[in-house]
Amino acid sequence: MKIFMTGGTGFVGTYLSQELARQGHTITILTRRTQPPTPAQPGISYLTGNPTQDGPWMAAVPEHDWIINLAGASIFERWTEAKKKEIFESRVRTTRNLVTALAAGDRRQFLCSTSAVGFYGPRGEEELTEDSPPQDGFLGELARLWEGEAMRAQELGMRVVITRFGIVLGKGGGALGQMAPMFRRFLGGPLGSGRQWFSWIHRQDHARAYDFILAHPEINGPVNFTAPHPVRNEDLTKALARVLHRPAVFKAPAFMLRLMLGEFAETLLTGQKVFPKRLMDAGFRFKFPLIETALKDLLG
C-alpha cells in the first residue's frame, strides 16, 4: 500500500514508518527538512514541504492509498502565546491542508489523523472511552478543532479514523527519553501529588494498532491508542525506579512545576484515565498491557 505520512521524522513517526516499510508498504514522508535523513530505508522516500502551507506537496497526496497524519509541534514545554500558535497551526492547519489535497483527487482513500487524550480534559477518577465528551481548556479545544478538520474527509466519501494518543513509550525519545535519564542520575520521583492518571502505550502496540485498524475497515471515528491499564503517576515512577534499580524520592512539587512550566504544568499534574474500548471490542490484543512489562522491554 502507498502511504503518505506527515510527522514521519519525529519520535513516533520514525518508528512507525520503519515498521510499515518492513511490512512491505511504501511510504512518502512529508518533511520541512531540505536534507532528508540518510541513508533512507528501503520503502521510505521523502518529500520536502511545509504542511501548514499550501504548496506543490499537496499534489502528491491523492496518489496515495493511506494518509497518516502525525504532524504536530511538541507540547512539552512552557506555553507562551507564540508556542500555542505553533501547536495549533501545526495540527489544525496541517489537517485542513491534507483534506483539501484529498478533495482534489478522484478516489476514496483512508485517512488516519492523530489527536490526543487531551481531548477529554482533566477528569479525575472518571473512566474515559471514545464515547466520553470533550472538556474545555486549551488542549480540549485544540483536539476538537483538529478532529473536526479530519472528519471533513468523510464528506468526500473517505474512511476516517481519529487516533487519540496517550503517551507513547519508546527508546531514544518521547516522555521516556526525558524521564529515564533523571532516574539514572538518582533524581527521579513523582510529579505533584502523584495521584494523577497516566495513559500510555508501548510503541510496538502503537504500531500494531495501525495494522489492526487497517485490517478492520468497520472501525471508524475516534480510537484511543492507549494501553488497557492506565497508571497513576506515582505508580509509574515506582515501576521506572524498579526497572532502573534507582530510588524515586525526589518529588517535584506542584508549585515548582507551575512556576517553571506555567499553564503546561496542569497537563502534567492532572491527566486522564483513558481506556482503548474500541480496539479491545474489535479484538485487539496488547503485547504490553502492563507498565512494568513495557518498561522492562524498553529499558531492561
Protein backbone atom coordinates (compact mmCIF):
# COMPACT_ATOMS: atom_id res chain seq x y z
CA MET A 1 0.00 0.00 0.00
CA LYS A 2 1.19 3.53 -0.77
CA ILE A 3 1.24 5.66 2.38
CA PHE A 4 1.59 9.44 2.70
CA MET A 5 2.77 10.47 6.15
CA THR A 6 3.17 13.81 7.90
CA GLY A 7 5.26 13.95 11.06
CA GLY A 8 7.20 10.92 9.87
CA THR A 9 10.60 12.20 11.03
CA GLY A 10 9.52 12.67 14.65
CA PHE A 11 9.83 10.26 17.56
CA VAL A 12 6.58 8.40 16.85
CA GLY A 13 6.69 8.69 13.07
CA THR A 14 10.23 7.38 12.67
CA TYR A 15 9.44 4.09 14.39
CA LEU A 16 6.02 3.71 12.76
CA SER A 17 7.32 4.38 9.24
CA GLN A 18 10.12 1.86 9.68
CA GLU A 19 7.68 -0.79 10.88
CA LEU A 20 5.31 -0.17 7.98
CA ALA A 21 8.16 -0.28 5.47
CA ARG A 22 9.33 -3.61 6.88
CA GLN A 23 5.85 -4.97 6.17
CA GLY A 24 6.17 -4.06 2.50
CA HIS A 25 4.35 -0.72 2.37
CA THR A 26 5.91 2.21 0.50
CA ILE A 27 5.90 5.45 2.47
CA THR A 28 6.29 9.05 1.35
CA ILE A 29 7.20 11.25 4.32
CA LEU A 30 6.50 14.96 4.09
CA THR A 31 9.29 16.89 5.79
CA ARG A 32 10.31 20.52 6.10
CA ARG A 33 13.95 19.48 6.00
CA THR A 34 15.81 20.34 2.82
CA GLN A 35 18.18 17.45 3.56
CA PRO A 36 16.12 14.36 4.49
CA PRO A 37 17.60 11.70 6.79
CA THR A 38 20.21 9.44 5.20
CA PRO A 39 20.58 6.66 4.43
CA ALA A 40 16.93 6.21 3.54
CA GLN A 41 15.41 2.87 4.49
CA PRO A 42 14.11 0.83 1.55
CA GLY A 43 10.46 1.65 1.01
CA ILE A 44 10.71 5.16 2.51
CA SER A 45 11.13 8.34 0.48
CA TYR A 46 10.95 12.00 1.47
CA LEU A 47 9.11 14.98 0.02
CA THR A 48 10.06 18.49 1.09
CA GLY A 49 7.23 20.82 2.01
CA ASN A 50 5.57 22.75 4.82
CA PRO A 51 2.28 21.05 5.74
CA THR A 52 0.89 24.21 7.34
CA GLN A 53 1.05 26.00 3.99
CA ASP A 54 -0.35 25.35 0.54
CA GLY A 55 2.31 24.05 -1.80
CA PRO A 56 3.34 21.61 -4.53
CA TRP A 57 3.47 18.82 -1.93
CA MET A 58 -0.35 18.72 -1.95
CA ALA A 59 -0.41 17.26 -5.47
CA ALA A 60 1.26 14.09 -4.18
CA VAL A 61 -1.42 13.31 -1.58
CA PRO A 62 -4.12 11.90 -3.95
CA GLU A 63 -1.55 9.47 -5.39
CA HIS A 64 -1.51 7.50 -2.13
CA ASP A 65 -3.92 4.98 -0.61
CA TRP A 66 -3.45 5.64 3.09
CA ILE A 67 -2.81 9.02 4.69
CA ILE A 68 -1.27 9.01 8.19
CA ASN A 69 -1.27 12.45 9.76
CA LEU A 70 1.15 12.65 12.72
CA ALA A 71 2.21 16.28 12.39
CA GLY A 72 2.26 18.44 15.47
CA ALA A 73 4.75 20.60 17.36
CA SER A 74 5.72 19.28 20.79
CA ILE A 75 3.56 20.42 23.70
CA PHE A 76 6.20 19.50 26.30
CA GLU A 77 7.46 22.98 27.16
CA ARG A 78 6.21 26.27 28.56
CA TRP A 79 3.20 27.53 26.60
CA THR A 80 3.85 31.09 25.51
CA GLU A 81 1.34 32.66 23.15
CA ALA A 82 3.77 32.05 20.29
CA LYS A 83 4.13 28.39 21.32
CA LYS A 84 0.36 27.94 21.49
CA LYS A 85 0.04 29.34 17.98
CA GLU A 86 2.70 26.91 16.75
CA ILE A 87 0.97 23.96 18.46
CA PHE A 88 -2.37 24.97 16.95
CA GLU A 89 -1.22 25.65 13.39
CA SER A 90 0.98 22.55 13.18
CA ARG A 91 -2.10 20.42 13.86
CA VAL A 92 -5.18 22.22 12.61
CA ARG A 93 -3.74 23.88 9.50
CA THR A 94 -1.85 20.73 8.51
CA THR A 95 -5.00 18.62 8.75
CA ARG A 96 -7.05 21.20 6.85
CA ASN A 97 -4.48 21.23 4.04
CA LEU A 98 -4.39 17.43 3.88
CA VAL A 99 -8.17 17.21 3.48
CA THR A 100 -8.07 19.93 0.82
CA ALA A 101 -5.43 17.90 -1.01
CA LEU A 102 -7.56 14.75 -0.73
CA ALA A 103 -10.52 16.62 -2.20
CA ALA A 104 -8.51 17.26 -5.36
CA GLY A 105 -8.30 13.52 -6.05
CA ASP A 106 -10.87 11.30 -7.67
CA ARG A 107 -10.84 8.17 -5.49
CA ARG A 108 -11.64 7.11 -1.96
CA GLN A 109 -8.72 6.98 0.45
CA PHE A 110 -8.15 6.13 4.10
CA LEU A 111 -7.18 8.92 6.50
CA CYS A 112 -5.73 8.22 9.94
CA SER A 113 -5.41 11.56 11.68
CA THR A 114 -3.82 11.95 15.08
CA SER A 115 -5.47 13.51 18.10
CA ALA A 116 -4.68 13.06 21.79
CA VAL A 117 -6.27 12.07 25.08
CA GLY A 118 -6.06 15.75 25.99
CA PHE A 119 -9.41 15.84 24.15
CA TYR A 120 -11.06 14.62 27.37
CA GLY A 121 -9.53 17.27 29.63
CA PRO A 122 -8.69 16.69 33.30
CA ARG A 123 -11.35 14.30 34.61
CA GLY A 124 -10.01 12.92 37.89
CA GLU A 125 -11.19 9.37 38.57
CA GLU A 126 -13.65 9.20 35.66
CA GLU A 127 -13.07 6.24 33.35
CA LEU A 128 -12.91 7.59 29.81
CA THR A 129 -13.64 5.87 26.49
CA GLU A 130 -14.12 7.11 22.95
CA ASP A 131 -17.74 7.93 23.81
CA SER A 132 -16.78 10.34 26.60
CA PRO A 133 -17.41 14.01 25.74
CA PRO A 134 -14.63 16.60 25.49
CA GLN A 135 -13.96 19.30 28.04
CA ASP A 136 -12.88 22.91 27.85
CA GLY A 137 -9.30 24.12 28.06
CA PHE A 138 -6.59 24.69 25.51
CA LEU A 139 -5.92 21.03 24.69
CA GLY A 140 -9.60 20.09 24.63
CA GLU A 141 -10.48 22.92 22.25
CA LEU A 142 -7.43 22.17 20.12
CA ALA A 143 -8.39 18.49 19.83
CA ARG A 144 -11.99 19.32 18.87
CA LEU A 145 -10.89 21.63 16.06
CA TRP A 146 -8.13 19.23 14.98
CA GLU A 147 -10.50 16.27 14.80
CA GLY A 148 -13.17 18.37 13.10
CA GLU A 149 -10.82 19.19 10.23
CA ALA A 150 -10.05 15.48 9.73
CA MET A 151 -13.68 14.43 9.82
CA ARG A 152 -14.40 16.67 6.82
CA ALA A 153 -12.84 13.88 4.73
CA GLN A 154 -15.90 11.75 5.48
CA GLU A 155 -17.91 14.19 3.40
CA LEU A 156 -15.68 13.16 0.48
CA GLY A 157 -16.70 9.54 0.99
CA MET A 158 -13.47 8.55 2.70
CA ARG A 159 -12.84 6.36 5.69
CA VAL A 160 -11.53 8.38 8.65
CA VAL A 161 -10.05 7.12 11.91
CA ILE A 162 -9.03 9.59 14.61
CA THR A 163 -6.19 8.09 16.65
CA ARG A 164 -6.25 9.63 20.13
CA PHE A 165 -2.78 9.03 21.50
CA GLY A 166 -1.80 8.52 25.08
CA ILE A 167 1.88 8.95 25.92
CA VAL A 168 3.86 6.75 23.53
CA LEU A 169 6.72 4.99 25.33
CA GLY A 170 9.78 4.05 23.31
CA LYS A 171 13.55 4.11 23.30
CA GLY A 172 15.50 7.18 22.44
CA GLY A 173 12.92 9.91 22.85
CA GLY A 174 9.47 10.99 23.94
CA ALA A 175 8.45 11.06 27.58
CA LEU A 176 10.62 8.09 28.50
CA GLY A 177 13.62 9.77 26.93
CA GLN A 178 13.12 12.63 29.40
CA MET A 179 12.26 10.59 32.48
CA ALA A 180 14.81 7.77 32.35
CA PRO A 181 17.95 9.98 32.47
CA MET A 182 16.63 11.71 35.59
CA PHE A 183 16.14 8.36 37.32
CA ARG A 184 19.58 7.17 36.25
CA ARG A 185 21.01 10.27 37.95
CA PHE A 186 19.07 9.44 41.14
CA LEU A 187 16.79 12.47 40.58
CA GLY A 188 13.53 10.72 39.68
CA GLY A 189 10.25 10.95 41.52
CA PRO A 190 6.53 11.69 41.24
CA LEU A 191 5.07 14.94 39.93
CA GLY A 192 2.88 16.90 42.33
CA SER A 193 0.61 14.59 44.31
CA GLY A 194 1.47 11.63 42.11
CA ARG A 195 -2.19 10.63 42.13
CA GLN A 196 -2.95 11.85 38.60
CA TRP A 197 -3.62 9.22 35.94
CA PHE A 198 -1.14 8.50 33.16
CA SER A 199 -2.49 6.93 29.96
CA TRP A 200 0.30 5.37 27.95
CA ILE A 201 1.10 2.87 25.17
CA HIS A 202 4.22 0.90 24.20
CA ARG A 203 5.47 1.90 20.75
CA GLN A 204 5.17 -1.69 19.49
CA ASP A 205 1.49 -1.82 20.42
CA HIS A 206 1.08 1.64 18.94
CA ALA A 207 2.42 0.45 15.57
CA ARG A 208 0.48 -2.82 15.79
CA ALA A 209 -2.73 -0.86 16.34
CA TYR A 210 -2.26 0.82 12.95
CA ASP A 211 -2.01 -2.60 11.31
CA PHE A 212 -5.12 -3.67 13.17
CA ILE A 213 -7.32 -0.77 12.10
CA LEU A 214 -6.13 -1.14 8.51
CA ALA A 215 -7.30 -4.77 8.61
CA HIS A 216 -10.65 -3.85 10.23
CA PRO A 217 -12.50 -1.45 7.91
CA GLU A 218 -15.51 -1.47 10.24
CA ILE A 219 -13.51 0.74 12.64
CA ASN A 220 -14.18 4.42 12.03
CA GLY A 221 -14.08 7.64 14.01
CA PRO A 222 -12.12 8.11 17.26
CA VAL A 223 -9.97 5.28 18.61
CA ASN A 224 -7.98 5.56 21.83
CA PHE A 225 -4.38 4.46 21.33
CA THR A 226 -3.67 3.70 24.98
CA ALA A 227 -2.79 0.58 26.95
CA PRO A 228 -5.69 -1.10 28.80
CA HIS A 229 -4.14 -0.41 32.21
CA PRO A 230 -3.50 3.30 32.84
CA VAL A 231 -1.43 4.01 35.94
CA ARG A 232 -1.12 6.79 38.46
CA ASN A 233 1.97 8.93 38.17
CA GLU A 234 3.31 7.60 41.49
CA ASP A 235 2.94 4.01 40.27
CA LEU A 236 4.70 4.87 37.02
CA THR A 237 7.64 6.33 38.93
CA LYS A 238 7.84 3.29 41.22
CA ALA A 239 7.85 0.94 38.22
CA LEU A 240 10.50 3.02 36.49
CA ALA A 241 12.61 3.03 39.66
CA ARG A 242 12.38 -0.77 39.96
CA VAL A 243 13.35 -1.35 36.33
CA LEU A 244 16.33 1.05 36.55
CA HIS A 245 17.28 -0.01 40.11
CA ARG A 246 17.11 3.55 41.34
CA PRO A 247 15.17 5.30 44.12
CA ALA A 248 12.20 7.53 43.34
CA VAL A 249 12.35 10.04 46.18
CA PHE A 250 12.76 13.44 44.53
CA LYS A 251 9.17 14.63 44.35
CA ALA A 252 8.56 17.63 42.08
CA PRO A 253 6.17 19.97 43.98
CA ALA A 254 3.19 21.28 42.05
CA PHE A 255 4.05 24.92 42.76
CA MET A 256 7.54 24.44 41.30
CA LEU A 257 6.19 22.86 38.12
CA ARG A 258 3.70 25.71 37.72
CA LEU A 259 6.49 28.24 38.25
CA MET A 260 8.72 26.58 35.66
CA LEU A 261 6.17 25.47 33.06
CA GLY A 262 3.20 27.78 33.52
CA GLU A 263 -0.07 26.57 32.00
CA PHE A 264 1.51 23.38 30.62
CA ALA A 265 2.18 22.20 34.18
CA GLU A 266 -1.55 21.48 34.63
CA THR A 267 -1.30 18.82 31.92
CA LEU A 268 1.36 17.02 33.97
CA LEU A 269 -0.50 17.49 37.26
CA THR A 270 -3.93 16.27 36.16
CA GLY A 271 -4.04 13.65 33.38
CA GLN A 272 -6.79 11.27 32.29
CA LYS A 273 -7.80 7.66 32.96
CA VAL A 274 -8.37 6.51 29.38
CA PHE A 275 -9.28 3.04 28.08
CA PRO A 276 -8.96 1.68 24.49
CA LYS A 277 -12.53 0.39 24.32
CA ARG A 278 -12.90 0.33 20.54
CA LEU A 279 -9.64 -1.51 19.95
CA MET A 280 -10.45 -4.11 22.57
CA ASP A 281 -14.07 -4.54 21.48
CA ALA A 282 -12.77 -5.26 17.97
CA GLY A 283 -10.42 -7.94 19.29
CA PHE A 284 -7.05 -6.18 19.51
CA ARG A 285 -4.66 -7.86 21.94
CA PHE A 286 -1.92 -5.82 23.55
CA LYS A 287 1.58 -7.25 23.72
CA PHE A 288 2.42 -4.87 26.57
CA PRO A 289 -0.73 -4.22 28.64
CA LEU A 290 1.15 -3.53 31.91
CA ILE A 291 3.52 -0.66 32.59
CA GLU A 292 6.30 -2.65 34.25
CA THR A 293 6.41 -5.19 31.42
CA ALA A 294 6.61 -2.33 28.93
CA LEU A 295 9.40 -0.59 30.83
CA LYS A 296 11.41 -3.78 31.18
CA ASP A 297 11.21 -4.32 27.44
CA LEU A 298 12.31 -0.77 26.68
CA LEU A 299 14.87 -0.21 29.44
CA GLY A 300 15.76 -3.59 30.95
